[in-house]
Amino acid sequence: MRRGLQIVCSQSRKIMLAPVMLVVCLVLIVPQNGGGQSLQTVNMAIPSRSFQMVIYPLAAQKGYMKEEGIDLRVIYIAPVTSIQAMLGGDVHFTGAGSSALVSIARANAPLKVIASTNDRVLQWLLTHPNITNPKELKSKRIATTGVASIATFMLKQILAKHGLDASKDVIYLDPGTNNQLPALLAGTMDAAVLSVEQRYVGLDKGMREMFFFGNEVKNSWGTLGTTDKLIKENPKLVGAFVRATIKALRYLRQDKEGAIAALIKFSGVSRQQASRLYDDLIPTFTRNGAVDEEAQRNDLNIVRQVVNSNDTVPTAKAYDFSFALEADRQLNQANWRP
């Protein structure tokens, strides 16, 4: 049977993820007949069709998951719900690693971040064109993804670095999911924290880019999480999944045309937009799926603020990049190339 990528999106299609019934969109990876090869079905939850998430369906399309004995099912689920599903055993991995860190800090959840696709934060602050420098943000209204979100606390660090009192000088507001850019364009907000796709729209409509978070703070982005239970009980599967992911990361960096084609198929963006995304973001992708200790500590410091705790989680409790580093070593030793 020919292998392909089927996307099934239906309001009537539901999947039971204990204990909640969710309407989701499934990406079904249909495997080739492998001459009797037995593949293990693995469920991967991702929160969006953003560029960094393309590596997972890409790893299946290129056959990297199959090479590792995995039949991948990608499920679109909101970040917090994906954590619940993973803890309940319905999902093996989640692309919402930041939510896993919050759960570790808030509730001592038995989770780990095991890979990071990016070592720079893919968030931007755009403003009206009349705001020309950070100090002109004083007393201005900023649309955020949540007044207590990770991105907002990162923004506070950035504003403080540029001489503002981040707690008093600006007004943080949450206009609701995906309403940050419309609020900025409508003039009800003076600035907005935006994703890369929203950033392009804002720039094309004359907004000013004030900050690229990736140039201002050192944190991870696009993190992969799993459970301590899976790491303990099936380290071979975890290692295989991460190895396929690292292969996809290498492919992404090496083959621009192939990466653009995969992104168009995955996200539904135009070729022009996909090429723009690739050129802008490919330098932010990690080479080995890991970030250094400083970035890990910075992540956990932000998470401590999000959960309003005086205690910072030790990096060893929250991260285990040994699978990524070992996969990178093995691929280097084998002189593996996409």
Protein backbone atom coordinates (compact mmCIF):
# COMPACT_ATOMS: atom_id res chain seq x y z
CA MET A 1 0.00 0.00 0.00
CA ARG A 2 1.33 3.43 -0.90
CA ARG A 3 2.17 5.60 2.04
CA GLY A 4 0.60 9.07 2.18
CA LEU A 5 -0.61 11.72 4.53
CA GLN A 6 -4.34 11.87 5.12
CA ILE A 7 -5.88 14.73 7.03
CA VAL A 8 -9.26 14.06 8.56
CA CYS A 9 -11.00 17.15 9.93
CA SER A 10 -14.57 16.86 11.07
CA GLN A 11 -16.75 18.44 13.70
CA SER A 12 -18.47 15.11 14.14
CA ARG A 13 -15.31 13.07 14.58
CA LYS A 14 -14.41 12.69 18.25
CA ILE A 15 -11.73 10.95 20.23
CA MET A 16 -12.02 10.00 23.88
CA LEU A 17 -9.09 11.34 25.85
CA ALA A 18 -9.77 10.58 29.50
CA PRO A 19 -11.75 12.07 30.96
CA VAL A 20 -12.85 14.56 28.29
CA MET A 21 -14.58 14.05 24.93
CA LEU A 22 -12.81 16.29 22.43
CA VAL A 23 -13.43 17.33 18.86
CA VAL A 24 -10.07 17.07 17.15
CA CYS A 25 -8.40 17.01 13.77
CA LEU A 26 -6.36 13.88 13.10
CA VAL A 27 -3.42 13.54 10.79
CA LEU A 28 -3.32 9.87 9.86
CA ILE A 29 -0.01 8.53 8.63
CA VAL A 30 -0.81 5.51 6.48
CA PRO A 31 2.21 3.18 6.49
CA GLN A 32 3.53 1.13 3.61
CA ASN A 33 3.34 -2.60 3.81
CA GLY A 34 6.66 -3.37 5.36
CA GLY A 35 7.11 -6.99 4.41
CA GLY A 36 5.60 -8.13 7.68
CA GLN A 37 7.40 -5.49 9.72
CA SER A 38 5.51 -4.77 12.91
CA LEU A 39 5.10 -1.09 13.70
CA GLN A 40 4.04 0.34 17.04
CA THR A 41 1.30 2.94 16.88
CA VAL A 42 2.38 6.15 18.60
CA ASN A 43 0.08 9.10 19.31
CA MET A 44 1.64 12.56 19.12
CA ALA A 45 -0.31 15.63 20.25
CA ILE A 46 0.49 18.96 18.66
CA PRO A 47 -1.18 22.30 19.47
CA SER A 48 -1.06 23.94 16.03
CA ARG A 49 0.10 23.75 12.43
CA SER A 50 3.04 26.06 13.09
CA PHE A 51 6.35 25.62 11.26
CA GLN A 52 8.20 23.92 14.11
CA MET A 53 5.48 21.26 14.37
CA VAL A 54 5.93 20.18 10.74
CA ILE A 55 8.87 17.96 11.69
CA TYR A 56 6.59 15.27 13.13
CA PRO A 57 4.40 14.55 10.08
CA LEU A 58 7.53 15.16 8.00
CA ALA A 59 9.36 12.43 9.94
CA ALA A 60 6.54 10.07 8.99
CA GLN A 61 6.32 11.17 5.34
CA LYS A 62 10.06 10.69 4.82
CA GLY A 63 9.91 7.22 6.37
CA TYR A 64 12.02 8.11 9.42
CA MET A 65 9.33 6.99 11.87
CA LYS A 66 8.87 3.72 10.01
CA GLU A 67 12.64 3.13 10.05
CA GLU A 68 12.39 3.34 13.83
CA GLY A 69 9.44 0.92 14.01
CA ILE A 70 6.81 3.62 14.58
CA ASP A 71 3.40 4.14 12.98
CA LEU A 72 2.72 7.79 13.86
CA ARG A 73 -0.69 9.34 14.53
CA VAL A 74 -0.60 13.11 14.96
CA ILE A 75 -3.52 14.54 16.94
CA TYR A 76 -4.36 18.25 17.22
CA ILE A 77 -5.18 19.03 20.86
CA ALA A 78 -4.97 22.16 23.01
CA PRO A 79 -1.77 22.25 25.11
CA VAL A 80 -3.25 21.75 28.58
CA THR A 81 -5.58 19.01 27.37
CA SER A 82 -2.67 17.24 25.70
CA ILE A 83 -0.94 17.04 29.08
CA GLN A 84 -4.04 15.44 30.59
CA ALA A 85 -4.24 13.00 27.69
CA MET A 86 -0.57 12.10 28.04
CA LEU A 87 -0.85 11.51 31.77
CA GLY A 88 -3.92 9.37 31.07
CA GLY A 89 -1.96 7.21 28.63
CA ASP A 90 -3.90 8.19 25.49
CA VAL A 91 -1.01 10.18 24.03
CA HIS A 92 2.68 9.24 24.08
CA PHE A 93 4.22 12.62 23.26
CA THR A 94 3.16 16.27 23.10
CA GLY A 95 4.53 19.28 21.27
CA ALA A 96 3.33 21.44 24.15
CA GLY A 97 6.47 21.04 26.24
CA SER A 98 6.04 24.44 27.90
CA SER A 99 2.72 23.29 29.32
CA ALA A 100 4.52 20.21 30.64
CA LEU A 101 6.99 22.48 32.46
CA VAL A 102 4.12 24.42 34.01
CA SER A 103 2.50 21.16 35.15
CA ILE A 104 5.80 20.03 36.70
CA ALA A 105 6.18 23.29 38.59
CA ARG A 106 2.55 23.61 39.63
CA ALA A 107 1.63 20.02 40.47
CA ASN A 108 4.86 18.02 40.45
CA ALA A 109 3.58 16.20 37.35
CA PRO A 110 5.75 13.20 36.32
CA LEU A 111 6.78 14.66 32.95
CA LYS A 112 9.95 15.56 31.07
CA VAL A 113 10.89 17.77 28.15
CA ILE A 114 13.05 15.53 25.94
CA ALA A 115 13.72 17.65 22.84
CA SER A 116 13.54 21.21 21.59
CA THR A 117 13.10 22.14 17.95
CA ASN A 118 14.13 25.78 18.47
CA ASP A 119 16.61 27.60 20.67
CA ARG A 120 15.02 31.00 20.10
CA VAL A 121 11.54 32.14 21.11
CA LEU A 122 9.27 32.59 18.09
CA GLN A 123 7.22 35.51 19.39
CA TRP A 124 7.22 39.15 18.32
CA LEU A 125 5.98 42.46 19.70
CA LEU A 126 4.47 44.67 17.01
CA THR A 127 3.30 48.23 17.63
CA HIS A 128 1.56 51.01 15.79
CA PRO A 129 4.05 52.81 13.51
CA ASN A 130 4.02 55.97 15.63
CA ILE A 131 5.67 54.06 18.51
CA THR A 132 9.32 54.17 17.53
CA ASN A 133 11.22 52.96 20.61
CA PRO A 134 10.56 50.84 23.71
CA LYS A 135 10.23 53.78 26.11
CA GLU A 136 7.28 55.06 24.08
CA LEU A 137 5.38 51.98 25.23
CA LYS A 138 4.86 53.64 28.60
CA SER A 139 1.15 53.74 29.53
CA LYS A 140 0.32 51.81 26.34
CA ARG A 141 -2.03 48.82 26.04
CA ILE A 142 -0.41 45.55 24.97
CA ALA A 143 -2.47 42.64 23.68
CA THR A 144 -1.07 39.41 25.09
CA THR A 145 -1.77 35.70 24.78
CA GLY A 146 -2.77 35.80 28.47
CA VAL A 147 -1.74 38.16 31.24
CA ALA A 148 -0.11 35.23 33.06
CA SER A 149 1.23 33.43 29.98
CA ILE A 150 4.84 32.45 29.41
CA ALA A 151 5.16 34.97 26.56
CA THR A 152 3.91 37.79 28.78
CA PHE A 153 6.49 37.09 31.47
CA MET A 154 9.17 36.98 28.78
CA LEU A 155 7.94 40.36 27.55
CA LYS A 156 8.21 41.75 31.06
CA GLN A 157 11.87 40.72 31.13
CA ILE A 158 12.44 42.39 27.78
CA LEU A 159 10.74 45.62 28.80
CA ALA A 160 12.77 45.76 32.02
CA LYS A 161 15.95 45.29 29.98
CA HIS A 162 14.96 48.36 27.96
CA GLY A 163 14.44 50.57 31.01
CA LEU A 164 10.73 50.24 31.71
CA ASP A 165 9.05 49.19 34.93
CA ALA A 166 7.44 46.11 33.43
CA SER A 167 4.85 45.82 36.20
CA LYS A 168 3.67 49.43 36.17
CA ASP A 169 4.56 51.20 32.94
CA VAL A 170 2.39 49.24 30.50
CA ILE A 171 -1.08 47.71 30.53
CA TYR A 172 -1.31 44.00 29.69
CA LEU A 173 -4.64 42.85 28.28
CA ASP A 174 -5.90 39.54 26.91
CA PRO A 175 -8.30 40.15 23.99
CA GLY A 176 -9.00 36.43 23.59
CA THR A 177 -7.66 33.62 21.45
CA ASN A 178 -6.25 34.85 18.12
CA ASN A 179 -7.62 38.37 18.71
CA GLN A 180 -4.26 40.02 19.41
CA LEU A 181 -3.61 41.11 15.83
CA PRO A 182 -7.20 42.22 15.07
CA ALA A 183 -7.15 44.33 18.25
CA LEU A 184 -3.87 45.94 17.19
CA LEU A 185 -5.08 46.66 13.66
CA ALA A 186 -8.39 48.02 14.95
CA GLY A 187 -6.57 50.48 17.21
CA THR A 188 -7.98 49.14 20.47
CA MET A 189 -4.45 48.02 21.39
CA ASP A 190 -1.19 49.91 20.97
CA ALA A 191 0.99 46.79 20.68
CA ALA A 192 0.54 43.04 20.49
CA VAL A 193 2.46 39.84 21.15
CA LEU A 194 2.20 37.84 17.94
CA SER A 195 3.15 34.54 16.35
CA VAL A 196 5.20 34.49 13.16
CA GLU A 197 2.15 34.14 10.92
CA GLN A 198 0.39 37.06 12.63
CA ARG A 199 3.62 39.05 12.45
CA TYR A 200 3.69 38.88 8.66
CA VAL A 201 0.13 40.17 8.39
CA GLY A 202 0.87 42.99 10.82
CA LEU A 203 4.04 44.04 9.01
CA ASP A 204 2.28 43.95 5.64
CA LYS A 205 -0.37 46.27 7.08
CA GLY A 206 2.18 48.81 8.26
CA MET A 207 2.76 47.83 11.87
CA ARG A 208 6.23 48.27 13.38
CA GLU A 209 8.31 45.39 14.74
CA MET A 210 9.59 46.42 18.16
CA PHE A 211 11.02 43.13 19.44
CA PHE A 212 11.81 39.65 18.23
CA PHE A 213 11.77 37.72 21.49
CA GLY A 214 14.42 35.35 20.14
CA ASN A 215 16.91 38.23 20.07
CA GLU A 216 16.03 39.43 23.55
CA VAL A 217 15.80 36.34 25.78
CA LYS A 218 17.51 32.96 25.78
CA ASN A 219 14.84 30.30 26.06
CA SER A 220 13.73 27.16 24.26
CA TRP A 221 10.73 26.89 21.94
CA GLY A 222 8.88 24.06 20.25
CA THR A 223 9.58 21.59 23.03
CA LEU A 224 8.66 17.90 23.02
CA GLY A 225 7.32 16.35 26.21
CA THR A 226 6.56 12.86 27.47
CA THR A 227 5.93 11.07 30.75
CA ASP A 228 8.43 9.74 33.26
CA LYS A 229 6.47 6.49 33.03
CA LEU A 230 7.14 6.07 29.30
CA ILE A 231 10.82 6.93 29.75
CA LYS A 232 11.14 4.32 32.49
CA GLU A 233 9.03 1.56 30.95
CA ASN A 234 9.85 1.98 27.26
CA PRO A 235 13.10 3.91 26.77
CA LYS A 236 13.62 2.12 23.44
CA LEU A 237 10.45 3.72 22.04
CA VAL A 238 11.39 7.15 23.37
CA GLY A 239 14.84 6.86 21.83
CA ALA A 240 13.40 5.72 18.49
CA PHE A 241 10.88 8.58 18.38
CA VAL A 242 13.52 11.18 19.19
CA ARG A 243 15.93 9.70 16.65
CA ALA A 244 13.28 10.01 13.90
CA THR A 245 12.67 13.59 15.04
CA ILE A 246 16.38 14.47 14.81
CA LYS A 247 16.46 12.99 11.31
CA ALA A 248 13.56 15.28 10.36
CA LEU A 249 15.37 18.27 11.87
CA ARG A 250 18.41 17.49 9.73
CA TYR A 251 16.26 17.11 6.64
CA LEU A 252 14.54 20.44 7.35
CA ARG A 253 17.87 22.24 7.49
CA GLN A 254 19.33 20.56 4.40
CA ASP A 255 16.45 20.46 1.91
CA LYS A 256 14.74 23.84 1.58
CA GLU A 257 12.46 22.81 -1.30
CA GLY A 258 11.38 19.62 0.46
CA ALA A 259 10.76 21.51 3.71
CA ILE A 260 8.71 24.16 1.92
CA ALA A 261 6.61 21.50 0.17
CA ALA A 262 5.98 19.76 3.51
CA LEU A 263 5.00 23.04 5.17
CA ILE A 264 2.55 23.91 2.38
CA LYS A 265 0.92 20.49 2.76
CA PHE A 266 0.91 20.65 6.56
CA SER A 267 -0.14 24.26 7.17
CA GLY A 268 -1.99 25.16 4.00
CA VAL A 269 0.05 28.33 3.50
CA SER A 270 1.03 29.70 0.10
CA ARG A 271 4.39 28.86 -1.42
CA GLN A 272 5.48 32.48 -0.98
CA GLN A 273 4.54 32.39 2.70
CA ALA A 274 6.23 29.02 3.23
CA SER A 275 9.44 30.29 1.64
CA ARG A 276 9.31 33.41 3.81
CA LEU A 277 8.82 31.30 6.92
CA TYR A 278 11.70 29.01 6.01
CA ASP A 279 14.17 31.81 5.32
CA ASP A 280 13.25 33.69 8.49
CA LEU A 281 13.04 30.77 10.91
CA ILE A 282 15.44 28.04 9.83
CA PRO A 283 18.33 29.63 11.80
CA THR A 284 16.27 29.19 14.99
CA PHE A 285 16.09 25.38 14.67
CA THR A 286 18.40 23.34 16.86
CA ARG A 287 20.90 20.98 15.25
CA ASN A 288 20.65 18.22 17.85
CA GLY A 289 17.23 18.70 19.45
CA ALA A 290 18.67 20.08 22.70
CA VAL A 291 19.25 23.44 24.40
CA ASP A 292 21.94 24.25 26.93
CA GLU A 293 21.66 24.53 30.71
CA GLU A 294 21.32 28.30 30.64
CA ALA A 295 18.25 28.12 28.40
CA GLN A 296 16.78 25.39 30.62
CA ARG A 297 17.28 27.51 33.74
CA ASN A 298 15.77 30.53 32.00
CA ASP A 299 12.74 28.46 30.97
CA LEU A 300 12.19 27.29 34.53
CA ASN A 301 12.61 30.80 35.92
CA ILE A 302 9.82 31.99 33.63
CA VAL A 303 7.67 29.03 34.64
CA ARG A 304 8.26 29.86 38.32
CA GLN A 305 6.80 33.31 37.68
CA VAL A 306 3.85 31.88 35.76
CA VAL A 307 2.87 29.61 38.66
CA ASN A 308 3.73 32.32 41.22
CA SER A 309 6.14 30.16 43.18
CA ASN A 310 9.28 30.97 45.13
CA ASP A 311 10.78 27.61 44.25
CA THR A 312 12.50 26.92 40.95
CA VAL A 313 12.29 23.38 39.60
CA PRO A 314 15.75 21.74 39.15
CA THR A 315 16.63 21.24 35.50
CA ALA A 316 17.15 17.49 36.02
CA LYS A 317 13.53 17.17 37.16
CA ALA A 318 12.15 18.93 34.09
CA TYR A 319 14.48 17.99 31.23
CA ASP A 320 16.07 14.86 29.84
CA PHE A 321 17.94 15.61 26.62
CA SER A 322 19.94 12.38 26.83
CA PHE A 323 17.80 10.78 24.10
CA ALA A 324 18.36 13.70 21.72
CA LEU A 325 22.09 13.86 22.38
CA GLU A 326 22.47 10.10 22.00
CA ALA A 327 20.46 10.12 18.77
CA ASP A 328 22.66 12.90 17.42
CA ARG A 329 25.79 10.95 18.39
CA GLN A 330 24.52 7.76 16.72
CA LEU A 331 23.59 9.57 13.51
CA ASN A 332 26.97 11.30 13.39
CA GLN A 333 28.77 8.01 13.97
CA ALA A 334 26.79 6.40 11.16
CA ASN A 335 27.49 9.43 8.94
CA TRP A 336 23.71 9.64 8.41
CA ARG A 337 22.48 12.17 5.86
CA PRO A 338 18.91 12.90 4.72
